Amino acid sequence: MLGPLAILCALLFPGGGAGLKLSQTALLVARVGSSCSLDCQVDSSVSYIHWYRHQEGTAPKRLLYLDMSRSLVQRDFVLKADKVYAQKGKDSYSCTLSLLKLEKSDEGLYYCAAWVYHSPVL
């Protein structure tokens, strides 16, 4: 029998500079071989949502980011394309990260961060 896989989620950037609030799935336990989804919700429009994974004894690694205006995902090749994907929510204020074919090595702390683009002032 396959044991459970703990995937912890944390919000390490609770405010950004302009009062931006993020919330996400707090704790998720899933079985090896299954799939899971993690949600990230922002309280206002953002340009990008980034997803990171931190595993004990290593530096956090960005998995991907989602361009919210174009619904375009840019992967950082930490995980294979058939292993992880993200999609924008219907309300334009959320993003879901999906992890497929979970393995024990996927265990870790996953968190989202948001970035708002501001054009340069001339």
PDB file of N, CA and C in Angstrom:
ATOM      1  N   MET A   1       0.844  -1.185   0.000  1.00  0.00           N
ATOM      2  CA  MET A   1       0.000   0.000   0.000  1.00  0.00           C
ATOM      3  C   MET A   1       0.886   1.243   0.000  1.00  0.00           C
ATOM      4  N   LEU A   2       0.515   2.200  -0.777  1.00  0.00           N
ATOM      5  CA  LEU A   2       1.271   3.443  -0.868  1.00  0.00           C
ATOM      6  C   LEU A   2       0.872   4.373   0.266  1.00  0.00           C
ATOM      7  N   GLY A   3       1.855   5.000   0.886  1.00  0.00           N
ATOM      8  CA  GLY A   3       1.597   5.914   1.994  1.00  0.00           C
ATOM      9  C   GLY A   3       1.203   7.293   1.504  1.00  0.00           C
ATOM     10  N   PRO A   4       0.737   8.140   2.425  1.00  0.00           N
ATOM     11  CA  PRO A   4       0.354   9.495   2.041  1.00  0.00           C
ATOM     12  C   PRO A   4       1.574  10.366   1.776  1.00  0.00           C
ATOM     13  N   LEU A   5       1.363  11.370   0.999  1.00  0.00           N
ATOM     14  CA  LEU A   5       2.393  12.340   0.645  1.00  0.00           C
ATOM     15  C   LEU A   5       1.929  13.687   1.174  1.00  0.00           C
ATOM     16  N   ALA A   6       2.725  14.302   1.995  1.00  0.00           N
ATOM     17  CA  ALA A   6       2.342  15.595   2.568  1.00  0.00           C
ATOM     18  C   ALA A   6       2.874  16.716   1.697  1.00  0.00           C
ATOM     19  N   ILE A   7       1.994  17.577   1.318  1.00  0.00           N
ATOM     20  CA  ILE A   7       2.383  18.768   0.572  1.00  0.00           C
ATOM     21  C   ILE A   7       1.900  19.956   1.391  1.00  0.00           C
ATOM     22  N   LEU A   8       2.835  20.700   1.920  1.00  0.00           N
ATOM     23  CA  LEU A   8       2.499  21.863   2.724  1.00  0.00           C
ATOM     24  C   LEU A   8       2.535  23.093   1.846  1.00  0.00           C
ATOM     25  N   CYS A   9       1.652  23.999   2.125  1.00  0.00           N
ATOM     26  CA  CYS A   9       1.620  25.246   1.378  1.00  0.00           C
ATOM     27  C   CYS A   9       1.729  26.392   2.368  1.00  0.00           C
ATOM     28  N   ALA A  10       2.459  27.383   2.001  1.00  0.00           N
ATOM     29  CA  ALA A  10       2.606  28.540   2.879  1.00  0.00           C
ATOM     30  C   ALA A  10       2.548  29.805   2.059  1.00  0.00           C
ATOM     31  N   LEU A  11       2.203  30.846   2.711  1.00  0.00           N
ATOM     32  CA  LEU A  11       2.176  32.144   2.073  1.00  0.00           C
ATOM     33  C   LEU A  11       3.282  32.975   2.694  1.00  0.00           C
ATOM     34  N   LEU A  12       4.383  33.096   2.001  1.00  0.00           N
ATOM     35  CA  LEU A  12       5.531  33.802   2.536  1.00  0.00           C
ATOM     36  C   LEU A  12       5.541  35.272   2.159  1.00  0.00           C
ATOM     37  N   PHE A  13       4.705  35.673   1.215  1.00  0.00           N
ATOM     38  CA  PHE A  13       4.636  37.063   0.802  1.00  0.00           C
ATOM     39  C   PHE A  13       3.215  37.567   1.028  1.00  0.00           C
ATOM     40  N   PRO A  14       2.853  37.843   2.302  1.00  0.00           N
ATOM     41  CA  PRO A  14       1.463  38.155   2.597  1.00  0.00           C
ATOM     42  C   PRO A  14       0.985  39.511   2.129  1.00  0.00           C
ATOM     43  N   GLY A  15       1.857  40.390   1.646  1.00  0.00           N
ATOM     44  CA  GLY A  15       1.328  41.682   1.316  1.00  0.00           C
ATOM     45  C   GLY A  15       1.887  42.387   0.118  1.00  0.00           C
ATOM     46  N   GLY A  16       2.961  42.032  -0.436  1.00  0.00           N
ATOM     47  CA  GLY A  16       3.514  42.807  -1.541  1.00  0.00           C
ATOM     48  C   GLY A  16       3.633  44.263  -1.114  1.00  0.00           C
ATOM     49  N   GLY A  17       3.801  45.197  -1.906  1.00  0.00           N
ATOM     50  CA  GLY A  17       3.976  46.561  -1.462  1.00  0.00           C
ATOM     51  C   GLY A  17       2.696  47.343  -1.298  1.00  0.00           C
ATOM     52  N   ALA A  18       1.682  47.089  -2.058  1.00  0.00           N
ATOM     53  CA  ALA A  18       0.520  47.969  -2.093  1.00  0.00           C
ATOM     54  C   ALA A  18      -0.709  47.345  -1.462  1.00  0.00           C
ATOM     55  N   GLY A  19      -0.539  46.590  -0.406  1.00  0.00           N
ATOM     56  CA  GLY A  19      -1.675  46.003   0.266  1.00  0.00           C
ATOM     57  C   GLY A  19      -2.255  44.800  -0.441  1.00  0.00           C
ATOM     58  N   LEU A  20      -1.514  44.197  -1.326  1.00  0.00           N
ATOM     59  CA  LEU A  20      -1.965  43.002  -2.026  1.00  0.00           C
ATOM     60  C   LEU A  20      -2.071  41.850  -1.043  1.00  0.00           C
ATOM     61  N   LYS A  21      -3.189  41.128  -1.072  1.00  0.00           N
ATOM     62  CA  LYS A  21      -3.365  39.978  -0.192  1.00  0.00           C
ATOM     63  C   LYS A  21      -3.462  38.711  -1.021  1.00  0.00           C
ATOM     64  N   LEU A  22      -2.732  37.691  -0.589  1.00  0.00           N
ATOM     65  CA  LEU A  22      -2.756  36.374  -1.222  1.00  0.00           C
ATOM     66  C   LEU A  22      -3.246  35.363  -0.208  1.00  0.00           C
ATOM     67  N   SER A  23      -3.986  34.384  -0.681  1.00  0.00           N
ATOM     68  CA  SER A  23      -4.349  33.253   0.175  1.00  0.00           C
ATOM     69  C   SER A  23      -4.234  31.996  -0.674  1.00  0.00           C
ATOM     70  N   GLN A  24      -3.935  30.882  -0.010  1.00  0.00           N
ATOM     71  CA  GLN A  24      -3.777  29.640  -0.749  1.00  0.00           C
ATOM     72  C   GLN A  24      -4.102  28.449   0.125  1.00  0.00           C
ATOM     73  N   THR A  25      -4.177  27.273  -0.509  1.00  0.00           N
ATOM     74  CA  THR A  25      -4.422  26.028   0.191  1.00  0.00           C
ATOM     75  C   THR A  25      -3.405  25.902   1.315  1.00  0.00           C
ATOM     76  N   ALA A  26      -3.860  25.586   2.538  1.00  0.00           N
ATOM     77  CA  ALA A  26      -2.967  25.556   3.696  1.00  0.00           C
ATOM     78  C   ALA A  26      -2.206  24.244   3.836  1.00  0.00           C
ATOM     79  N   LEU A  27      -2.872  23.130   3.730  1.00  0.00           N
ATOM     80  CA  LEU A  27      -2.226  21.832   3.896  1.00  0.00           C
ATOM     81  C   LEU A  27      -2.926  20.829   3.002  1.00  0.00           C
ATOM     82  N   LEU A  28      -2.145  20.010   2.368  1.00  0.00           N
ATOM     83  CA  LEU A  28      -2.695  18.996   1.479  1.00  0.00           C
ATOM     84  C   LEU A  28      -1.918  17.707   1.679  1.00  0.00           C
ATOM     85  N   VAL A  29      -2.629  16.624   1.885  1.00  0.00           N
ATOM     86  CA  VAL A  29      -2.006  15.305   1.986  1.00  0.00           C
ATOM     87  C   VAL A  29      -2.597  14.458   0.869  1.00  0.00           C
ATOM     88  N   ALA A  30      -1.739  13.861   0.056  1.00  0.00           N
ATOM     89  CA  ALA A  30      -2.200  13.070  -1.089  1.00  0.00           C
ATOM     90  C   ALA A  30      -1.410  11.770  -1.164  1.00  0.00           C
ATOM     91  N   ARG A  31      -1.925  10.823  -1.875  1.00  0.00           N
ATOM     92  CA  ARG A  31      -1.259   9.527  -2.024  1.00  0.00           C
ATOM     93  C   ARG A  31      -0.279   9.544  -3.191  1.00  0.00           C
ATOM     94  N   VAL A  32       0.800   8.814  -3.004  1.00  0.00           N
ATOM     95  CA  VAL A  32       1.756   8.618  -4.084  1.00  0.00           C
ATOM     96  C   VAL A  32       1.005   8.012  -5.267  1.00  0.00           C
ATOM     97  N   GLY A  33       1.248   8.531  -6.459  1.00  0.00           N
ATOM     98  CA  GLY A  33       0.575   8.051  -7.661  1.00  0.00           C
ATOM     99  C   GLY A  33      -0.666   8.842  -8.027  1.00  0.00           C
ATOM    100  N   SER A  34      -1.181   9.629  -7.086  1.00  0.00           N
ATOM    101  CA  SER A  34      -2.379  10.424  -7.364  1.00  0.00           C
ATOM    102  C   SER A  34      -1.984  11.817  -7.863  1.00  0.00           C
ATOM    103  N   SER A  35      -2.975  12.682  -7.997  1.00  0.00           N
ATOM    104  CA  SER A  35      -2.757  14.065  -8.417  1.00  0.00           C
ATOM    105  C   SER A  35      -3.325  14.993  -7.357  1.00  0.00           C
ATOM    106  N   CYS A  36      -2.913  16.243  -7.376  1.00  0.00           N
ATOM    107  CA  CYS A  36      -3.480  17.216  -6.443  1.00  0.00           C
ATOM    108  C   CYS A  36      -3.463  18.596  -7.082  1.00  0.00           C
ATOM    109  N   SER A  37      -4.280  19.480  -6.540  1.00  0.00           N
ATOM    110  CA  SER A  37      -4.356  20.858  -7.020  1.00  0.00           C
ATOM    111  C   SER A  37      -4.250  21.808  -5.842  1.00  0.00           C
ATOM    112  N   LEU A  38      -3.514  22.892  -6.045  1.00  0.00           N
ATOM    113  CA  LEU A  38      -3.324  23.922  -5.038  1.00  0.00           C
ATOM    114  C   LEU A  38      -3.823  25.240  -5.615  1.00  0.00           C
ATOM    115  N   ASP A  39      -4.611  25.969  -4.843  1.00  0.00           N
ATOM    116  CA  ASP A  39      -5.176  27.229  -5.309  1.00  0.00           C
ATOM    117  C   ASP A  39      -4.461  28.416  -4.687  1.00  0.00           C
ATOM    118  N   CYS A  40      -4.336  29.468  -5.468  1.00  0.00           N
ATOM    119  CA  CYS A  40      -3.786  30.742  -4.998  1.00  0.00           C
ATOM    120  C   CYS A  40      -4.786  31.825  -5.386  1.00  0.00           C
ATOM    121  N   GLN A  41      -5.223  32.603  -4.416  1.00  0.00           N
ATOM    122  CA  GLN A  41      -6.225  33.641  -4.641  1.00  0.00           C
ATOM    123  C   GLN A  41      -5.626  34.994  -4.269  1.00  0.00           C
ATOM    124  N   VAL A  42      -5.789  35.983  -5.130  1.00  0.00           N
ATOM    125  CA  VAL A  42      -5.346  37.346  -4.841  1.00  0.00           C
ATOM    126  C   VAL A  42      -6.568  38.248  -4.734  1.00  0.00           C
ATOM    127  N   ASP A  43      -6.434  39.344  -4.003  1.00  0.00           N
ATOM    128  CA  ASP A  43      -7.593  40.205  -3.795  1.00  0.00           C
ATOM    129  C   ASP A  43      -7.732  41.320  -4.832  1.00  0.00           C
ATOM    130  N   SER A  44      -6.802  41.387  -5.781  1.00  0.00           N
ATOM    131  CA  SER A  44      -6.902  42.378  -6.853  1.00  0.00           C
ATOM    132  C   SER A  44      -6.155  41.859  -8.078  1.00  0.00           C
ATOM    133  N   SER A  45      -6.261  42.577  -9.144  1.00  0.00           N
ATOM    134  CA  SER A  45      -5.636  42.150 -10.391  1.00  0.00           C
ATOM    135  C   SER A  45      -4.112  42.189 -10.276  1.00  0.00           C
ATOM    136  N   VAL A  46      -3.456  41.119 -10.733  1.00  0.00           N
ATOM    137  CA  VAL A  46      -1.991  41.041 -10.735  1.00  0.00           C
ATOM    138  C   VAL A  46      -1.518  40.661 -12.131  1.00  0.00           C
ATOM    139  N   SER A  47      -0.258  40.925 -12.405  1.00  0.00           N
ATOM    140  CA  SER A  47       0.309  40.602 -13.712  1.00  0.00           C
ATOM    141  C   SER A  47       0.742  39.151 -13.804  1.00  0.00           C
ATOM    142  N   TYR A  48       1.362  38.653 -12.735  1.00  0.00           N
ATOM    143  CA  TYR A  48       1.918  37.300 -12.744  1.00  0.00           C
ATOM    144  C   TYR A  48       1.691  36.625 -11.401  1.00  0.00           C
ATOM    145  N   ILE A  49       1.468  35.311 -11.442  1.00  0.00           N
ATOM    146  CA  ILE A  49       1.484  34.487 -10.234  1.00  0.00           C
ATOM    147  C   ILE A  49       2.574  33.450 -10.420  1.00  0.00           C
ATOM    148  N   HIS A  50       3.456  33.381  -9.451  1.00  0.00           N
ATOM    149  CA  HIS A  50       4.585  32.453  -9.464  1.00  0.00           C
ATOM    150  C   HIS A  50       4.320  31.333  -8.462  1.00  0.00           C
ATOM    151  N   TRP A  51       4.777  30.128  -8.769  1.00  0.00           N
ATOM    152  CA  TRP A  51       4.690  28.989  -7.849  1.00  0.00           C
ATOM    153  C   TRP A  51       6.091  28.478  -7.553  1.00  0.00           C
ATOM    154  N   TYR A  52       6.359  28.268  -6.269  1.00  0.00           N
ATOM    155  CA  TYR A  52       7.663  27.804  -5.788  1.00  0.00           C
ATOM    156  C   TYR A  52       7.511  26.519  -4.985  1.00  0.00           C
ATOM    157  N   ARG A  53       8.604  25.761  -4.904  1.00  0.00           N
ATOM    158  CA  ARG A  53       8.656  24.582  -4.032  1.00  0.00           C
ATOM    159  C   ARG A  53       9.930  24.679  -3.196  1.00  0.00           C
ATOM    160  N   HIS A  54       9.773  24.443  -1.904  1.00  0.00           N
ATOM    161  CA  HIS A  54      10.926  24.408  -1.004  1.00  0.00           C
ATOM    162  C   HIS A  54      10.980  23.026  -0.358  1.00  0.00           C
ATOM    163  N   GLN A  55      12.100  22.363  -0.531  1.00  0.00           N
ATOM    164  CA  GLN A  55      12.309  21.056   0.077  1.00  0.00           C
ATOM    165  C   GLN A  55      13.437  21.172   1.093  1.00  0.00           C
ATOM    166  N   GLU A  56      13.306  20.438   2.166  1.00  0.00           N
ATOM    167  CA  GLU A  56      14.268  20.504   3.263  1.00  0.00           C
ATOM    168  C   GLU A  56      15.704  20.351   2.765  1.00  0.00           C
ATOM    169  N   GLY A  57      16.567  21.242   3.242  1.00  0.00           N
ATOM    170  CA  GLY A  57      17.980  21.173   2.901  1.00  0.00           C
ATOM    171  C   GLY A  57      18.358  21.790   1.568  1.00  0.00           C
ATOM    172  N   THR A  58      17.390  22.375   0.863  1.00  0.00           N
ATOM    173  CA  THR A  58      17.671  22.999  -0.433  1.00  0.00           C
ATOM    174  C   THR A  58      17.068  24.403  -0.475  1.00  0.00           C
ATOM    175  N   ALA A  59      17.530  25.199  -1.403  1.00  0.00           N
ATOM    176  CA  ALA A  59      16.951  26.530  -1.604  1.00  0.00           C
ATOM    177  C   ALA A  59      15.603  26.390  -2.316  1.00  0.00           C
ATOM    178  N   PRO A  60      14.664  27.303  -2.075  1.00  0.00           N
ATOM    179  CA  PRO A  60      13.399  27.263  -2.818  1.00  0.00           C
ATOM    180  C   PRO A  60      13.661  27.380  -4.316  1.00  0.00           C
ATOM    181  N   LYS A  61      12.819  26.688  -5.102  1.00  0.00           N
ATOM    182  CA  LYS A  61      12.946  26.734  -6.561  1.00  0.00           C
ATOM    183  C   LYS A  61      11.612  27.146  -7.158  1.00  0.00           C
ATOM    184  N   ARG A  62      11.680  28.074  -8.114  1.00  0.00           N
ATOM    185  CA  ARG A  62      10.451  28.437  -8.811  1.00  0.00           C
ATOM    186  C   ARG A  62      10.119  27.329  -9.790  1.00  0.00           C
ATOM    187  N   LEU A  63       8.865  26.897  -9.783  1.00  0.00           N
ATOM    188  CA  LEU A  63       8.399  25.856 -10.696  1.00  0.00           C
ATOM    189  C   LEU A  63       7.931  26.461 -12.009  1.00  0.00           C
ATOM    190  N   LEU A  64       7.185  27.561 -11.898  1.00  0.00           N
ATOM    191  CA  LEU A  64       6.610  28.204 -13.081  1.00  0.00           C
ATOM    192  C   LEU A  64       6.000  29.524 -12.687  1.00  0.00           C
ATOM    193  N   TYR A  65       5.624  30.290 -13.695  1.00  0.00           N
ATOM    194  CA  TYR A  65       4.796  31.462 -13.434  1.00  0.00           C
ATOM    195  C   TYR A  65       3.745  31.556 -14.522  1.00  0.00           C
ATOM    196  N   LEU A  66       2.648  32.207 -14.173  1.00  0.00           N
ATOM    197  CA  LEU A  66       1.512  32.363 -15.073  1.00  0.00           C
ATOM    198  C   LEU A  66       1.324  33.844 -15.365  1.00  0.00           C
ATOM    199  N   ASP A  67       1.371  34.198 -16.648  1.00  0.00           N
ATOM    200  CA  ASP A  67       1.065  35.552 -17.100  1.00  0.00           C
ATOM    201  C   ASP A  67      -0.459  35.660 -17.081  1.00  0.00           C
ATOM    202  N   MET A  68      -0.995  36.387 -16.128  1.00  0.00           N
ATOM    203  CA  MET A  68      -2.443  36.425 -15.928  1.00  0.00           C
ATOM    204  C   MET A  68      -3.187  37.111 -17.068  1.00  0.00           C
ATOM    205  N   SER A  69      -2.557  38.045 -17.760  1.00  0.00           N
ATOM    206  CA  SER A  69      -3.259  38.744 -18.837  1.00  0.00           C
ATOM    207  C   SER A  69      -3.400  37.879 -20.082  1.00  0.00           C
ATOM    208  N   ARG A  70      -2.454  36.973 -20.296  1.00  0.00           N
ATOM    209  CA  ARG A  70      -2.481  36.131 -21.496  1.00  0.00           C
ATOM    210  C   ARG A  70      -2.729  34.654 -21.196  1.00  0.00           C
ATOM    211  N   SER A  71      -2.885  34.312 -19.917  1.00  0.00           N
ATOM    212  CA  SER A  71      -3.045  32.907 -19.497  1.00  0.00           C
ATOM    213  C   SER A  71      -1.909  32.040 -20.034  1.00  0.00           C
ATOM    214  N   LEU A  72      -0.718  32.591 -20.045  1.00  0.00           N
ATOM    215  CA  LEU A  72       0.452  31.910 -20.579  1.00  0.00           C
ATOM    216  C   LEU A  72       1.322  31.402 -19.432  1.00  0.00           C
ATOM    217  N   VAL A  73       1.658  30.108 -19.461  1.00  0.00           N
ATOM    218  CA  VAL A  73       2.491  29.498 -18.425  1.00  0.00           C
ATOM    219  C   VAL A  73       3.929  29.399 -18.920  1.00  0.00           C
ATOM    220  N   GLN A  74       4.855  29.839 -18.090  1.00  0.00           N
ATOM    221  CA  GLN A  74       6.283  29.713 -18.373  1.00  0.00           C
ATOM    222  C   GLN A  74       6.895  28.809 -17.306  1.00  0.00           C
ATOM    223  N   ARG A  75       7.361  27.624 -17.728  1.00  0.00           N
ATOM    224  CA  ARG A  75       7.947  26.663 -16.795  1.00  0.00           C
ATOM    225  C   ARG A  75       9.435  26.922 -16.618  1.00  0.00           C
ATOM    226  N   ASP A  76       9.938  26.582 -15.432  1.00  0.00           N
ATOM    227  CA  ASP A  76      11.366  26.724 -15.147  1.00  0.00           C
ATOM    228  C   ASP A  76      12.099  25.393 -15.220  1.00  0.00           C
ATOM    229  N   PHE A  77      11.461  24.354 -15.696  1.00  0.00           N
ATOM    230  CA  PHE A  77      12.057  23.037 -15.929  1.00  0.00           C
ATOM    231  C   PHE A  77      12.581  22.369 -14.663  1.00  0.00           C
ATOM    232  N   VAL A  78      12.030  22.741 -13.510  1.00  0.00           N
ATOM    233  CA  VAL A  78      12.323  22.024 -12.271  1.00  0.00           C
ATOM    234  C   VAL A  78      11.601  20.682 -12.313  1.00  0.00           C
ATOM    235  N   LEU A  79      10.374  20.699 -12.844  1.00  0.00           N
ATOM    236  CA  LEU A  79       9.573  19.490 -13.030  1.00  0.00           C
ATOM    237  C   LEU A  79       9.207  19.376 -14.506  1.00  0.00           C
ATOM    238  N   LYS A  80       8.998  18.161 -14.966  1.00  0.00           N
ATOM    239  CA  LYS A  80       8.626  17.937 -16.367  1.00  0.00           C
ATOM    240  C   LYS A  80       7.253  18.529 -16.665  1.00  0.00           C
ATOM    241  N   ALA A  81       7.045  18.887 -17.917  1.00  0.00           N
ATOM    242  CA  ALA A  81       5.786  19.502 -18.343  1.00  0.00           C
ATOM    243  C   ALA A  81       4.585  18.600 -18.085  1.00  0.00           C
ATOM    244  N   ASP A  82       4.776  17.278 -18.153  1.00  0.00           N
ATOM    245  CA  ASP A  82       3.646  16.372 -17.914  1.00  0.00           C
ATOM    246  C   ASP A  82       3.426  16.127 -16.424  1.00  0.00           C
ATOM    247  N   LYS A  83       4.192  16.783 -15.582  1.00  0.00           N
ATOM    248  CA  LYS A  83       4.122  16.612 -14.130  1.00  0.00           C
ATOM    249  C   LYS A  83       3.393  17.764 -13.446  1.00  0.00           C
ATOM    250  N   VAL A  84       3.507  18.957 -14.017  1.00  0.00           N
ATOM    251  CA  VAL A  84       2.957  20.143 -13.367  1.00  0.00           C
ATOM    252  C   VAL A  84       2.380  21.103 -14.411  1.00  0.00           C
ATOM    253  N   TYR A  85       1.262  21.724 -14.075  1.00  0.00           N
ATOM    254  CA  TYR A  85       0.731  22.786 -14.921  1.00  0.00           C
ATOM    255  C   TYR A  85      -0.071  23.756 -14.059  1.00  0.00           C
ATOM    256  N   ALA A  86      -0.334  24.914 -14.604  1.00  0.00           N
ATOM    257  CA  ALA A  86      -1.109  25.927 -13.892  1.00  0.00           C
ATOM    258  C   ALA A  86      -2.121  26.524 -14.842  1.00  0.00           C
ATOM    259  N   GLN A  87      -3.220  26.978 -14.269  1.00  0.00           N
ATOM    260  CA  GLN A  87      -4.205  27.670 -15.088  1.00  0.00           C
ATOM    261  C   GLN A  87      -4.867  28.774 -14.284  1.00  0.00           C
ATOM    262  N   LYS A  88      -5.225  29.807 -15.006  1.00  0.00           N
ATOM    263  CA  LYS A  88      -5.891  30.966 -14.433  1.00  0.00           C
ATOM    264  C   LYS A  88      -7.324  30.601 -14.083  1.00  0.00           C
ATOM    265  N   GLY A  89      -7.798  31.124 -12.957  1.00  0.00           N
ATOM    266  CA  GLY A  89      -9.181  30.902 -12.563  1.00  0.00           C
ATOM    267  C   GLY A  89     -10.141  31.716 -13.411  1.00  0.00           C
ATOM    268  N   LYS A  90     -11.405  31.403 -13.328  1.00  0.00           N
ATOM    269  CA  LYS A  90     -12.427  32.097 -14.115  1.00  0.00           C
ATOM    270  C   LYS A  90     -12.553  33.569 -13.735  1.00  0.00           C
ATOM    271  N   ASP A  91     -12.236  33.875 -12.487  1.00  0.00           N
ATOM    272  CA  ASP A  91     -12.425  35.232 -11.990  1.00  0.00           C
ATOM    273  C   ASP A  91     -11.231  36.161 -12.206  1.00  0.00           C
ATOM    274  N   SER A  92     -10.181  35.689 -12.812  1.00  0.00           N
ATOM    275  CA  SER A  92      -8.959  36.460 -13.085  1.00  0.00           C
ATOM    276  C   SER A  92      -8.182  36.856 -11.831  1.00  0.00           C
ATOM    277  N   TYR A  93      -8.626  36.403 -10.680  1.00  0.00           N
ATOM    278  CA  TYR A  93      -7.929  36.690  -9.429  1.00  0.00           C
ATOM    279  C   TYR A  93      -7.404  35.424  -8.770  1.00  0.00           C
ATOM    280  N   SER A  94      -7.361  34.340  -9.513  1.00  0.00           N
ATOM    281  CA  SER A  94      -6.895  33.091  -8.914  1.00  0.00           C
ATOM    282  C   SER A  94      -6.134  32.253  -9.933  1.00  0.00           C
ATOM    283  N   CYS A  95      -5.385  31.316  -9.393  1.00  0.00           N
ATOM    284  CA  CYS A  95      -4.574  30.420 -10.203  1.00  0.00           C
ATOM    285  C   CYS A  95      -4.534  29.071  -9.495  1.00  0.00           C
ATOM    286  N   THR A  96      -4.574  28.002 -10.259  1.00  0.00           N
ATOM    287  CA  THR A  96      -4.489  26.657  -9.702  1.00  0.00           C
ATOM    288  C   THR A  96      -3.250  25.967 -10.239  1.00  0.00           C
ATOM    289  N   LEU A  97      -2.451  25.433  -9.323  1.00  0.00           N
ATOM    290  CA  LEU A  97      -1.289  24.624  -9.671  1.00  0.00           C
ATOM    291  C   LEU A  97      -1.692  23.170  -9.519  1.00  0.00           C
ATOM    292  N   SER A  98      -1.484  22.367 -10.545  1.00  0.00           N
ATOM    293  CA  SER A  98      -1.802  20.939 -10.487  1.00  0.00           C
ATOM    294  C   SER A  98      -0.523  20.126 -10.600  1.00  0.00           C
ATOM    295  N   LEU A  99      -0.391  19.158  -9.710  1.00  0.00           N
ATOM    296  CA  LEU A  99       0.739  18.228  -9.711  1.00  0.00           C
ATOM    297  C   LEU A  99       0.197  16.852 -10.040  1.00  0.00           C
ATOM    298  N   LEU A 100       0.793  16.191 -11.007  1.00  0.00           N
ATOM    299  CA  LEU A 100       0.317  14.899 -11.480  1.00  0.00           C
ATOM    300  C   LEU A 100       1.306  13.796 -11.120  1.00  0.00           C
ATOM    301  N   LYS A 101       0.802  12.574 -11.046  1.00  0.00           N
ATOM    302  CA  LYS A 101       1.655  11.400 -10.800  1.00  0.00           C
ATOM    303  C   LYS A 101       2.599  11.639  -9.627  1.00  0.00           C
ATOM    304  N   LEU A 102       2.022  11.947  -8.480  1.00  0.00           N
ATOM    305  CA  LEU A 102       2.824  12.302  -7.311  1.00  0.00           C
ATOM    306  C   LEU A 102       3.790  11.201  -6.902  1.00  0.00           C
ATOM    307  N   GLU A 103       4.976  11.625  -6.532  1.00  0.00           N
ATOM    308  CA  GLU A 103       6.013  10.734  -6.024  1.00  0.00           C
ATOM    309  C   GLU A 103       6.454  11.258  -4.663  1.00  0.00           C
ATOM    310  N   LYS A 104       7.104  10.427  -3.891  1.00  0.00           N
ATOM    311  CA  LYS A 104       7.612  10.846  -2.589  1.00  0.00           C
ATOM    312  C   LYS A 104       8.512  12.073  -2.743  1.00  0.00           C
ATOM    313  N   SER A 105       9.244  12.157  -3.830  1.00  0.00           N
ATOM    314  CA  SER A 105      10.162  13.280  -4.066  1.00  0.00           C
ATOM    315  C   SER A 105       9.434  14.610  -4.312  1.00  0.00           C
ATOM    316  N   ASP A 106       8.105  14.590  -4.478  1.00  0.00           N
ATOM    317  CA  ASP A 106       7.332  15.820  -4.666  1.00  0.00           C
ATOM    318  C   ASP A 106       6.974  16.483  -3.339  1.00  0.00           C
ATOM    319  N   GLU A 107       7.232  15.793  -2.251  1.00  0.00           N
ATOM    320  CA  GLU A 107       6.908  16.319  -0.932  1.00  0.00           C
ATOM    321  C   GLU A 107       7.664  17.619  -0.690  1.00  0.00           C
ATOM    322  N   GLY A 108       6.991  18.593  -0.118  1.00  0.00           N
ATOM    323  CA  GLY A 108       7.652  19.858   0.160  1.00  0.00           C
ATOM    324  C   GLY A 108       6.672  20.959   0.495  1.00  0.00           C
ATOM    325  N   LEU A 109       7.212  22.145   0.610  1.00  0.00           N
ATOM    326  CA  LEU A 109       6.450  23.347   0.889  1.00  0.00           C
ATOM    327  C   LEU A 109       6.251  24.080  -0.432  1.00  0.00           C
ATOM    328  N   TYR A 110       4.996  24.249  -0.837  1.00  0.00           N
ATOM    329  CA  TYR A 110       4.670  24.928  -2.092  1.00  0.00           C
ATOM    330  C   TYR A 110       4.029  26.265  -1.751  1.00  0.00           C
ATOM    331  N   TYR A 111       4.426  27.306  -2.440  1.00  0.00           N
ATOM    332  CA  TYR A 111       3.797  28.587  -2.178  1.00  0.00           C
ATOM    333  C   TYR A 111       3.727  29.430  -3.446  1.00  0.00           C
ATOM    334  N   CYS A 112       2.764  30.337  -3.434  1.00  0.00           N
ATOM    335  CA  CYS A 112       2.589  31.235  -4.570  1.00  0.00           C
ATOM    336  C   CYS A 112       3.036  32.637  -4.178  1.00  0.00           C
ATOM    337  N   ALA A 113       3.375  33.405  -5.176  1.00  0.00           N
ATOM    338  CA  ALA A 113       3.731  34.814  -5.006  1.00  0.00           C
ATOM    339  C   ALA A 113       3.159  35.558  -6.206  1.00  0.00           C
ATOM    340  N   ALA A 114       2.801  36.800  -6.003  1.00  0.00           N
ATOM    341  CA  ALA A 114       2.215  37.590  -7.088  1.00  0.00           C
ATOM    342  C   ALA A 114       3.069  38.817  -7.364  1.00  0.00           C
ATOM    343  N   TRP A 115       3.016  39.257  -8.607  1.00  0.00           N
ATOM    344  CA  TRP A 115       3.777  40.420  -9.041  1.00  0.00           C
ATOM    345  C   TRP A 115       2.874  41.280  -9.904  1.00  0.00           C
ATOM    346  N   VAL A 116       2.879  42.573  -9.622  1.00  0.00           N
ATOM    347  CA  VAL A 116       2.116  43.534 -10.413  1.00  0.00           C
ATOM    348  C   VAL A 116       3.104  44.354 -11.232  1.00  0.00           C
ATOM    349  N   TYR A 117       2.932  44.349 -12.533  1.00  0.00           N
ATOM    350  CA  TYR A 117       3.823  45.107 -13.424  1.00  0.00           C
ATOM    351  C   TYR A 117       3.418  46.574 -13.435  1.00  0.00           C
ATOM    352  N   HIS A 118       4.394  47.440 -13.304  1.00  0.00           N
ATOM    353  CA  HIS A 118       4.173  48.879 -13.433  1.00  0.00           C
ATOM    354  C   HIS A 118       5.105  49.383 -14.520  1.00  0.00           C
ATOM    355  N   SER A 119       4.566  50.068 -15.503  1.00  0.00           N
ATOM    356  CA  SER A 119       5.427  50.588 -16.569  1.00  0.00           C
ATOM    357  C   SER A 119       6.307  51.713 -16.019  1.00  0.00           C
ATOM    358  N   PRO A 120       7.481  51.864 -16.596  1.00  0.00           N
ATOM    359  CA  PRO A 120       8.399  52.907 -16.120  1.00  0.00           C
ATOM    360  C   PRO A 120       7.805  54.300 -16.298  1.00  0.00           C
ATOM    361  N   VAL A 121       8.094  55.150 -15.354  1.00  0.00           N
ATOM    362  CA  VAL A 121       7.642  56.540 -15.432  1.00  0.00           C
ATOM    363  C   VAL A 121       8.743  57.351 -16.100  1.00  0.00           C
ATOM    364  N   LEU A 122       8.375  58.102 -17.124  1.00  0.00           N
ATOM    365  CA  LEU A 122       9.360  58.928 -17.842  1.00  0.00           C
ATOM    366  C   LEU A 122       9.214  60.382 -17.490  1.00  0.00           C
TER     367      LEU A 122
END
